[in-house]
Amino acid sequence: MMGVNTTGLAEIVFRGIGVPLVHGQVVSTCDELKLVKWYATHNRAPPPAE
């Protein structure tokens, strides 16, 4: 996954789990927390701010 910019990586991650945030869909707080935890665990960086 190295060499991929944050935006591209985020799109891949979101699409991979079926949560197209790039299209403006709202995610429940629970799913959002899970996504943030997964993102932080795998990338050691905060998710892109909205």
PDB file of N, CA and C in Angstrom:
ATOM      1  N   MET A   1       0.832  -1.202   0.000  1.00  0.00           N
ATOM      2  CA  MET A   1       0.000   0.000   0.000  1.00  0.00           C
ATOM      3  C   MET A   1       0.872   1.260   0.000  1.00  0.00           C
ATOM      4  N   MET A   2       2.159   1.099   0.154  1.00  0.00           N
ATOM      5  CA  MET A   2       3.031   2.266   0.198  1.00  0.00           C
ATOM      6  C   MET A   2       3.066   2.944  -1.164  1.00  0.00           C
ATOM      7  N   GLY A   3       3.175   4.247  -1.166  1.00  0.00           N
ATOM      8  CA  GLY A   3       3.248   4.989  -2.411  1.00  0.00           C
ATOM      9  C   GLY A   3       1.899   5.495  -2.892  1.00  0.00           C
ATOM     10  N   VAL A   4       0.839   5.091  -2.197  1.00  0.00           N
ATOM     11  CA  VAL A   4      -0.500   5.543  -2.585  1.00  0.00           C
ATOM     12  C   VAL A   4      -0.844   6.785  -1.779  1.00  0.00           C
ATOM     13  N   ASN A   5      -1.334   7.826  -2.446  1.00  0.00           N
ATOM     14  CA  ASN A   5      -1.656   9.051  -1.714  1.00  0.00           C
ATOM     15  C   ASN A   5      -2.863   8.825  -0.816  1.00  0.00           C
ATOM     16  N   THR A   6      -3.034   9.685   0.177  1.00  0.00           N
ATOM     17  CA  THR A   6      -4.092   9.503   1.172  1.00  0.00           C
ATOM     18  C   THR A   6      -5.473   9.464   0.545  1.00  0.00           C
ATOM     19  N   THR A   7      -5.721  10.354  -0.401  1.00  0.00           N
ATOM     20  CA  THR A   7      -7.049  10.414  -1.013  1.00  0.00           C
ATOM     21  C   THR A   7      -7.361   9.117  -1.738  1.00  0.00           C
ATOM     22  N   GLY A   8      -6.422   8.627  -2.527  1.00  0.00           N
ATOM     23  CA  GLY A   8      -6.627   7.385  -3.265  1.00  0.00           C
ATOM     24  C   GLY A   8      -6.828   6.217  -2.320  1.00  0.00           C
ATOM     25  N   LEU A   9      -6.019   6.164  -1.276  1.00  0.00           N
ATOM     26  CA  LEU A   9      -6.123   5.085  -0.302  1.00  0.00           C
ATOM     27  C   LEU A   9      -7.472   5.113   0.389  1.00  0.00           C
ATOM     28  N   ALA A  10      -7.910   6.312   0.763  1.00  0.00           N
ATOM     29  CA  ALA A  10      -9.199   6.442   1.438  1.00  0.00           C
ATOM     30  C   ALA A  10     -10.324   5.947   0.539  1.00  0.00           C
ATOM     31  N   GLU A  11     -10.264   6.297  -0.740  1.00  0.00           N
ATOM     32  CA  GLU A  11     -11.306   5.867  -1.670  1.00  0.00           C
ATOM     33  C   GLU A  11     -11.320   4.350  -1.784  1.00  0.00           C
ATOM     34  N   ILE A  12     -10.144   3.743  -1.858  1.00  0.00           N
ATOM     35  CA  ILE A  12     -10.050   2.288  -1.959  1.00  0.00           C
ATOM     36  C   ILE A  12     -10.633   1.639  -0.712  1.00  0.00           C
ATOM     37  N   VAL A  13     -10.264   2.162   0.451  1.00  0.00           N
ATOM     38  CA  VAL A  13     -10.749   1.599   1.717  1.00  0.00           C
ATOM     39  C   VAL A  13     -12.256   1.728   1.819  1.00  0.00           C
ATOM     40  N   PHE A  14     -12.776   2.937   1.568  1.00  0.00           N
ATOM     41  CA  PHE A  14     -14.208   3.170   1.701  1.00  0.00           C
ATOM     42  C   PHE A  14     -14.995   2.307   0.724  1.00  0.00           C
ATOM     43  N   ARG A  15     -14.545   2.237  -0.519  1.00  0.00           N
ATOM     44  CA  ARG A  15     -15.253   1.441  -1.524  1.00  0.00           C
ATOM     45  C   ARG A  15     -15.154  -0.034  -1.202  1.00  0.00           C
ATOM     46  N   GLY A  16     -14.009  -0.430  -0.655  1.00  0.00           N
ATOM     47  CA  GLY A  16     -13.793  -1.835  -0.332  1.00  0.00           C
ATOM     48  C   GLY A  16     -14.772  -2.356   0.708  1.00  0.00           C
ATOM     49  N   ILE A  17     -15.185  -1.493   1.644  1.00  0.00           N
ATOM     50  CA  ILE A  17     -16.118  -1.937   2.678  1.00  0.00           C
ATOM     51  C   ILE A  17     -17.534  -1.493   2.370  1.00  0.00           C
ATOM     52  N   GLY A  18     -17.726  -0.978   1.159  1.00  0.00           N
ATOM     53  CA  GLY A  18     -19.083  -0.615   0.750  1.00  0.00           C
ATOM     54  C   GLY A  18     -19.593   0.663   1.381  1.00  0.00           C
ATOM     55  N   VAL A  19     -18.694   1.579   1.711  1.00  0.00           N
ATOM     56  CA  VAL A  19     -19.124   2.846   2.296  1.00  0.00           C
ATOM     57  C   VAL A  19     -18.576   3.990   1.442  1.00  0.00           C
ATOM     58  N   PRO A  20     -19.266   4.321   0.358  1.00  0.00           N
ATOM     59  CA  PRO A  20     -18.794   5.360  -0.555  1.00  0.00           C
ATOM     60  C   PRO A  20     -18.929   6.768   0.017  1.00  0.00           C
ATOM     61  N   LEU A  21     -18.075   7.117   0.967  1.00  0.00           N
ATOM     62  CA  LEU A  21     -18.138   8.445   1.577  1.00  0.00           C
ATOM     63  C   LEU A  21     -17.880   9.527   0.534  1.00  0.00           C
ATOM     64  N   VAL A  22     -17.139   9.169  -0.509  1.00  0.00           N
ATOM     65  CA  VAL A  22     -16.816  10.156  -1.534  1.00  0.00           C
ATOM     66  C   VAL A  22     -18.071  10.637  -2.236  1.00  0.00           C
ATOM     67  N   HIS A  23     -19.164   9.904  -2.090  1.00  0.00           N
ATOM     68  CA  HIS A  23     -20.421  10.296  -2.717  1.00  0.00           C
ATOM     69  C   HIS A  23     -21.325  11.043  -1.739  1.00  0.00           C
ATOM     70  N   GLY A  24     -20.808  11.323  -0.539  1.00  0.00           N
ATOM     71  CA  GLY A  24     -21.563  12.135   0.410  1.00  0.00           C
ATOM     72  C   GLY A  24     -22.550  11.359   1.256  1.00  0.00           C
ATOM     73  N   GLN A  25     -22.437  10.041   1.297  1.00  0.00           N
ATOM     74  CA  GLN A  25     -23.365   9.276   2.127  1.00  0.00           C
ATOM     75  C   GLN A  25     -22.976   9.421   3.599  1.00  0.00           C
ATOM     76  N   VAL A  26     -23.987   9.402   4.449  1.00  0.00           N
ATOM     77  CA  VAL A  26     -23.740   9.547   5.881  1.00  0.00           C
ATOM     78  C   VAL A  26     -23.493   8.176   6.511  1.00  0.00           C
ATOM     79  N   VAL A  27     -22.477   8.107   7.346  1.00  0.00           N
ATOM     80  CA  VAL A  27     -22.154   6.856   8.021  1.00  0.00           C
ATOM     81  C   VAL A  27     -22.574   6.964   9.482  1.00  0.00           C
ATOM     82  N   SER A  28     -23.104   5.901  10.004  1.00  0.00           N
ATOM     83  CA  SER A  28     -23.523   5.925  11.405  1.00  0.00           C
ATOM     84  C   SER A  28     -22.294   6.108  12.294  1.00  0.00           C
ATOM     85  N   THR A  29     -22.513   6.618  13.494  1.00  0.00           N
ATOM     86  CA  THR A  29     -21.402   6.871  14.407  1.00  0.00           C
ATOM     87  C   THR A  29     -20.616   5.595  14.682  1.00  0.00           C
ATOM     88  N   CYS A  30     -21.309   4.487  14.855  1.00  0.00           N
ATOM     89  CA  CYS A  30     -20.653   3.212  15.151  1.00  0.00           C
ATOM     90  C   CYS A  30     -19.721   2.821  14.011  1.00  0.00           C
ATOM     91  N   ASP A  31     -20.232   2.849  12.789  1.00  0.00           N
ATOM     92  CA  ASP A  31     -19.412   2.488  11.637  1.00  0.00           C
ATOM     93  C   ASP A  31     -18.258   3.472  11.477  1.00  0.00           C
ATOM     94  N   GLU A  32     -18.527   4.737  11.764  1.00  0.00           N
ATOM     95  CA  GLU A  32     -17.491   5.755  11.626  1.00  0.00           C
ATOM     96  C   GLU A  32     -16.339   5.456  12.584  1.00  0.00           C
ATOM     97  N   LEU A  33     -16.672   5.106  13.819  1.00  0.00           N
ATOM     98  CA  LEU A  33     -15.634   4.799  14.799  1.00  0.00           C
ATOM     99  C   LEU A  33     -14.834   3.571  14.372  1.00  0.00           C
ATOM    100  N   LYS A  34     -15.527   2.561  13.852  1.00  0.00           N
ATOM    101  CA  LYS A  34     -14.833   1.355  13.393  1.00  0.00           C
ATOM    102  C   LYS A  34     -13.874   1.705  12.259  1.00  0.00           C
ATOM    103  N   LEU A  35     -14.356   2.546  11.336  1.00  0.00           N
ATOM    104  CA  LEU A  35     -13.539   2.937  10.190  1.00  0.00           C
ATOM    105  C   LEU A  35     -12.315   3.713  10.659  1.00  0.00           C
ATOM    106  N   VAL A  36     -12.521   4.627  11.596  1.00  0.00           N
ATOM    107  CA  VAL A  36     -11.405   5.417  12.121  1.00  0.00           C
ATOM    108  C   VAL A  36     -10.387   4.507  12.794  1.00  0.00           C
ATOM    109  N   LYS A  37     -10.877   3.546  13.588  1.00  0.00           N
ATOM    110  CA  LYS A  37      -9.969   2.620  14.269  1.00  0.00           C
ATOM    111  C   LYS A  37      -9.188   1.793  13.256  1.00  0.00           C
ATOM    112  N   TRP A  38      -9.896   1.275  12.234  1.00  0.00           N
ATOM    113  CA  TRP A  38      -9.227   0.450  11.218  1.00  0.00           C
ATOM    114  C   TRP A  38      -8.183   1.279  10.494  1.00  0.00           C
ATOM    115  N   TYR A  39      -8.582   2.493  10.098  1.00  0.00           N
ATOM    116  CA  TYR A  39      -7.683   3.381   9.349  1.00  0.00           C
ATOM    117  C   TYR A  39      -6.438   3.687  10.182  1.00  0.00           C
ATOM    118  N   ALA A  40      -6.650   4.027  11.453  1.00  0.00           N
ATOM    119  CA  ALA A  40      -5.530   4.379  12.321  1.00  0.00           C
ATOM    120  C   ALA A  40      -4.613   3.177  12.531  1.00  0.00           C
ATOM    121  N   THR A  41      -5.213   1.992  12.661  1.00  0.00           N
ATOM    122  CA  THR A  41      -4.426   0.786  12.905  1.00  0.00           C
ATOM    123  C   THR A  41      -3.572   0.419  11.698  1.00  0.00           C
ATOM    124  N   HIS A  42      -4.137   0.542  10.505  1.00  0.00           N
ATOM    125  CA  HIS A  42      -3.425   0.115   9.306  1.00  0.00           C
ATOM    126  C   HIS A  42      -2.533   1.195   8.704  1.00  0.00           C
ATOM    127  N   ASN A  43      -2.818   2.456   8.975  1.00  0.00           N
ATOM    128  CA  ASN A  43      -2.055   3.526   8.334  1.00  0.00           C
ATOM    129  C   ASN A  43      -1.326   4.433   9.325  1.00  0.00           C
ATOM    130  N   ARG A  44      -1.640   4.284  10.616  1.00  0.00           N
ATOM    131  CA  ARG A  44      -1.001   5.110  11.651  1.00  0.00           C
ATOM    132  C   ARG A  44      -1.126   6.589  11.318  1.00  0.00           C
ATOM    133  N   ALA A  45      -2.289   6.970  10.799  1.00  0.00           N
ATOM    134  CA  ALA A  45      -2.538   8.372  10.460  1.00  0.00           C
ATOM    135  C   ALA A  45      -4.030   8.633  10.589  1.00  0.00           C
ATOM    136  N   PRO A  46      -4.409   9.841  10.986  1.00  0.00           N
ATOM    137  CA  PRO A  46      -5.830  10.169  11.142  1.00  0.00           C
ATOM    138  C   PRO A  46      -6.530  10.192   9.795  1.00  0.00           C
ATOM    139  N   PRO A  47      -7.811   9.840   9.756  1.00  0.00           N
ATOM    140  CA  PRO A  47      -8.573   9.873   8.507  1.00  0.00           C
ATOM    141  C   PRO A  47      -8.749  11.301   8.024  1.00  0.00           C
ATOM    142  N   PRO A  48      -8.977  11.485   6.743  1.00  0.00           N
ATOM    143  CA  PRO A  48      -9.162  12.844   6.211  1.00  0.00           C
ATOM    144  C   PRO A  48     -10.340  13.541   6.867  1.00  0.00           C
ATOM    145  N   ALA A  49     -10.132  14.773   7.299  1.00  0.00           N
ATOM    146  CA  ALA A  49     -11.209  15.512   7.963  1.00  0.00           C
ATOM    147  C   ALA A  49     -12.262  15.934   6.959  1.00  0.00           C
ATOM    148  N   GLU A  50     -13.503  15.977   7.421  1.00  0.00           N
ATOM    149  CA  GLU A  50     -14.592  16.370   6.519  1.00  0.00           C
ATOM    150  C   GLU A  50     -14.749  17.885   6.543  1.00  0.00           C
TER     151      GLU A  50
END
